[in-house]
Amino acid sequence: MTKETAIAINKHVIAWAMFHNGITPDEPEPIIYSLRQMLEASDKIHQLNAAASLKGGHVTRYLTVDDRLIAALYVAANYEHNQQSIIQHGRKYIFVQE
């Protein structure tokens, strides 16, 4: 994966994370990447950040998110969900399969 592709995918993931957390009001374009592509892009961004740290001086570091958030965004974008199947028990949410 090229640096430019990884940066573009990472920006898209960050945009969706910000939208889902209410930070930005405008919904980004739909996620069109596979889970593998998003995780590979995240790995590439981590490598770029690590290499930048070794250079010293003026460097560009990229914002990243945890792999769990990438997986959650992928599921939200690609699978229908039914809130009636999820119940709250104390501080935990439990999936109930009918």
C-alpha atoms as a PDB file:
ATOM      1  CA  MET A   1       0.000   0.000   0.000  1.00  0.00           C
ATOM      2  CA  THR A   2       1.353   3.394  -0.918  1.00  0.00           C
ATOM      3  CA  LYS A   3       1.830   6.174   1.600  1.00  0.00           C
ATOM      4  CA  GLU A   4      -0.762   8.316  -0.196  1.00  0.00           C
ATOM      5  CA  THR A   5      -3.386   5.544  -0.165  1.00  0.00           C
ATOM      6  CA  ALA A   6      -2.800   4.852   3.529  1.00  0.00           C
ATOM      7  CA  ILE A   7      -3.142   8.538   4.371  1.00  0.00           C
ATOM      8  CA  ALA A   8      -6.379   8.825   2.349  1.00  0.00           C
ATOM      9  CA  ILE A   9      -7.927   5.766   4.017  1.00  0.00           C
ATOM     10  CA  ASN A  10      -6.788   6.938   7.451  1.00  0.00           C
ATOM     11  CA  LYS A  11      -8.354  10.389   6.890  1.00  0.00           C
ATOM     12  CA  HIS A  12     -11.630   8.721   5.933  1.00  0.00           C
ATOM     13  CA  VAL A  13     -11.589   6.530   9.062  1.00  0.00           C
ATOM     14  CA  ILE A  14     -10.823   9.560  11.254  1.00  0.00           C
ATOM     15  CA  ALA A  15     -13.671  11.517   9.609  1.00  0.00           C
ATOM     16  CA  TRP A  16     -16.137   8.733  10.419  1.00  0.00           C
ATOM     17  CA  ALA A  17     -14.862   8.410  13.983  1.00  0.00           C
ATOM     18  CA  MET A  18     -15.333  12.148  14.496  1.00  0.00           C
ATOM     19  CA  PHE A  19     -18.815  12.048  12.948  1.00  0.00           C
ATOM     20  CA  HIS A  20     -19.937   9.123  15.139  1.00  0.00           C
ATOM     21  CA  ASN A  21     -18.699  10.962  18.225  1.00  0.00           C
ATOM     22  CA  GLY A  22     -20.557  14.148  17.332  1.00  0.00           C
ATOM     23  CA  ILE A  23     -17.401  16.173  16.680  1.00  0.00           C
ATOM     24  CA  THR A  24     -18.331  16.981  13.076  1.00  0.00           C
ATOM     25  CA  PRO A  25     -21.933  17.471  11.908  1.00  0.00           C
ATOM     26  CA  ASP A  26     -21.462  16.439   8.268  1.00  0.00           C
ATOM     27  CA  GLU A  27     -21.629  12.745   7.404  1.00  0.00           C
ATOM     28  CA  PRO A  28     -18.561  11.664   5.395  1.00  0.00           C
ATOM     29  CA  GLU A  29     -18.735   9.681   2.173  1.00  0.00           C
ATOM     30  CA  PRO A  30     -19.627   5.990   2.729  1.00  0.00           C
ATOM     31  CA  ILE A  31     -16.798   3.650   3.696  1.00  0.00           C
ATOM     32  CA  ILE A  32     -15.826   1.700   0.569  1.00  0.00           C
ATOM     33  CA  TYR A  33     -12.712  -0.022   1.913  1.00  0.00           C
ATOM     34  CA  SER A  34     -12.385  -3.572   3.152  1.00  0.00           C
ATOM     35  CA  LEU A  35     -11.510  -4.208   6.777  1.00  0.00           C
ATOM     36  CA  ARG A  36      -8.112  -5.498   5.634  1.00  0.00           C
ATOM     37  CA  GLN A  37      -7.418  -2.269   3.709  1.00  0.00           C
ATOM     38  CA  MET A  38      -8.327  -0.112   6.697  1.00  0.00           C
ATOM     39  CA  LEU A  39      -6.146  -2.142   9.061  1.00  0.00           C
ATOM     40  CA  GLU A  40      -3.234  -2.145   6.590  1.00  0.00           C
ATOM     41  CA  ALA A  41      -3.568   1.627   6.227  1.00  0.00           C
ATOM     42  CA  SER A  42      -3.477   1.986  10.016  1.00  0.00           C
ATOM     43  CA  ASP A  43      -0.313  -0.157  10.190  1.00  0.00           C
ATOM     44  CA  LYS A  44       1.303   1.958   7.467  1.00  0.00           C
ATOM     45  CA  ILE A  45       0.434   5.176   9.346  1.00  0.00           C
ATOM     46  CA  HIS A  46       1.950   3.740  12.543  1.00  0.00           C
ATOM     47  CA  GLN A  47       5.126   2.933  10.563  1.00  0.00           C
ATOM     48  CA  LEU A  48       5.226   6.468   9.138  1.00  0.00           C
ATOM     49  CA  ASN A  49       4.838   7.933  12.633  1.00  0.00           C
ATOM     50  CA  ALA A  50       7.607   5.707  13.992  1.00  0.00           C
ATOM     51  CA  ALA A  51       9.962   6.668  11.146  1.00  0.00           C
ATOM     52  CA  ALA A  52       9.174  10.360  11.671  1.00  0.00           C
ATOM     53  CA  SER A  53      10.111  10.063  15.340  1.00  0.00           C
ATOM     54  CA  LEU A  54      13.584   8.830  14.397  1.00  0.00           C
ATOM     55  CA  LYS A  55      14.293  11.746  12.053  1.00  0.00           C
ATOM     56  CA  GLY A  56      14.147  14.553  14.580  1.00  0.00           C
ATOM     57  CA  GLY A  57      13.552  18.142  13.577  1.00  0.00           C
ATOM     58  CA  HIS A  58      10.307  19.099  11.831  1.00  0.00           C
ATOM     59  CA  VAL A  59       8.202  16.003  11.161  1.00  0.00           C
ATOM     60  CA  THR A  60       4.620  15.180  10.235  1.00  0.00           C
ATOM     61  CA  ARG A  61       2.780  12.826  12.548  1.00  0.00           C
ATOM     62  CA  TYR A  62      -0.627  11.419  11.690  1.00  0.00           C
ATOM     63  CA  LEU A  63      -3.579  10.871  14.000  1.00  0.00           C
ATOM     64  CA  THR A  64      -4.475   7.198  14.352  1.00  0.00           C
ATOM     65  CA  VAL A  65      -7.284   5.214  15.937  1.00  0.00           C
ATOM     66  CA  ASP A  66      -7.329   1.848  17.639  1.00  0.00           C
ATOM     67  CA  ASP A  67      -7.974  -1.277  15.548  1.00  0.00           C
ATOM     68  CA  ARG A  68     -11.144  -1.893  17.572  1.00  0.00           C
ATOM     69  CA  LEU A  69     -12.605   1.392  16.345  1.00  0.00           C
ATOM     70  CA  ILE A  70     -11.695   0.528  12.750  1.00  0.00           C
ATOM     71  CA  ALA A  71     -13.494  -2.807  13.125  1.00  0.00           C
ATOM     72  CA  ALA A  72     -16.533  -1.119  14.699  1.00  0.00           C
ATOM     73  CA  LEU A  73     -16.740   1.408  11.859  1.00  0.00           C
ATOM     74  CA  TYR A  74     -16.475  -1.394   9.299  1.00  0.00           C
ATOM     75  CA  VAL A  75     -19.308  -3.324  10.951  1.00  0.00           C
ATOM     76  CA  ALA A  76     -21.486  -0.211  11.214  1.00  0.00           C
ATOM     77  CA  ALA A  77     -20.915   0.548   7.524  1.00  0.00           C
ATOM     78  CA  ASN A  78     -21.481  -2.968   6.194  1.00  0.00           C
ATOM     79  CA  TYR A  79     -24.023  -4.735   8.393  1.00  0.00           C
ATOM     80  CA  GLU A  80     -27.552  -3.914   9.434  1.00  0.00           C
ATOM     81  CA  HIS A  81     -28.141  -3.845  13.144  1.00  0.00           C
ATOM     82  CA  ASN A  82     -31.222  -4.137  15.268  1.00  0.00           C
ATOM     83  CA  GLN A  83     -31.261  -2.214  18.541  1.00  0.00           C
ATOM     84  CA  GLN A  84     -34.053  -4.470  19.843  1.00  0.00           C
ATOM     85  CA  SER A  85     -31.529  -7.322  20.051  1.00  0.00           C
ATOM     86  CA  ILE A  86     -29.320  -5.394  22.475  1.00  0.00           C
ATOM     87  CA  ILE A  87     -30.293  -4.940  26.097  1.00  0.00           C
ATOM     88  CA  GLN A  88     -28.523  -3.081  28.846  1.00  0.00           C
ATOM     89  CA  HIS A  89     -27.740  -4.869  32.095  1.00  0.00           C
ATOM     90  CA  GLY A  90     -26.080  -2.461  34.511  1.00  0.00           C
ATOM     91  CA  ARG A  91     -23.049  -1.063  32.700  1.00  0.00           C
ATOM     92  CA  LYS A  92     -22.959  -3.927  30.194  1.00  0.00           C
ATOM     93  CA  TYR A  93     -24.751  -4.380  26.900  1.00  0.00           C
ATOM     94  CA  ILE A  94     -25.858  -7.899  26.059  1.00  0.00           C
ATOM     95  CA  PHE A  95     -26.739  -9.249  22.613  1.00  0.00           C
ATOM     96  CA  VAL A  96     -29.860 -11.379  22.646  1.00  0.00           C
ATOM     97  CA  GLN A  97     -30.345 -13.705  19.711  1.00  0.00           C
ATOM     98  CA  GLU A  98     -33.945 -14.618  18.996  1.00  0.00           C
END
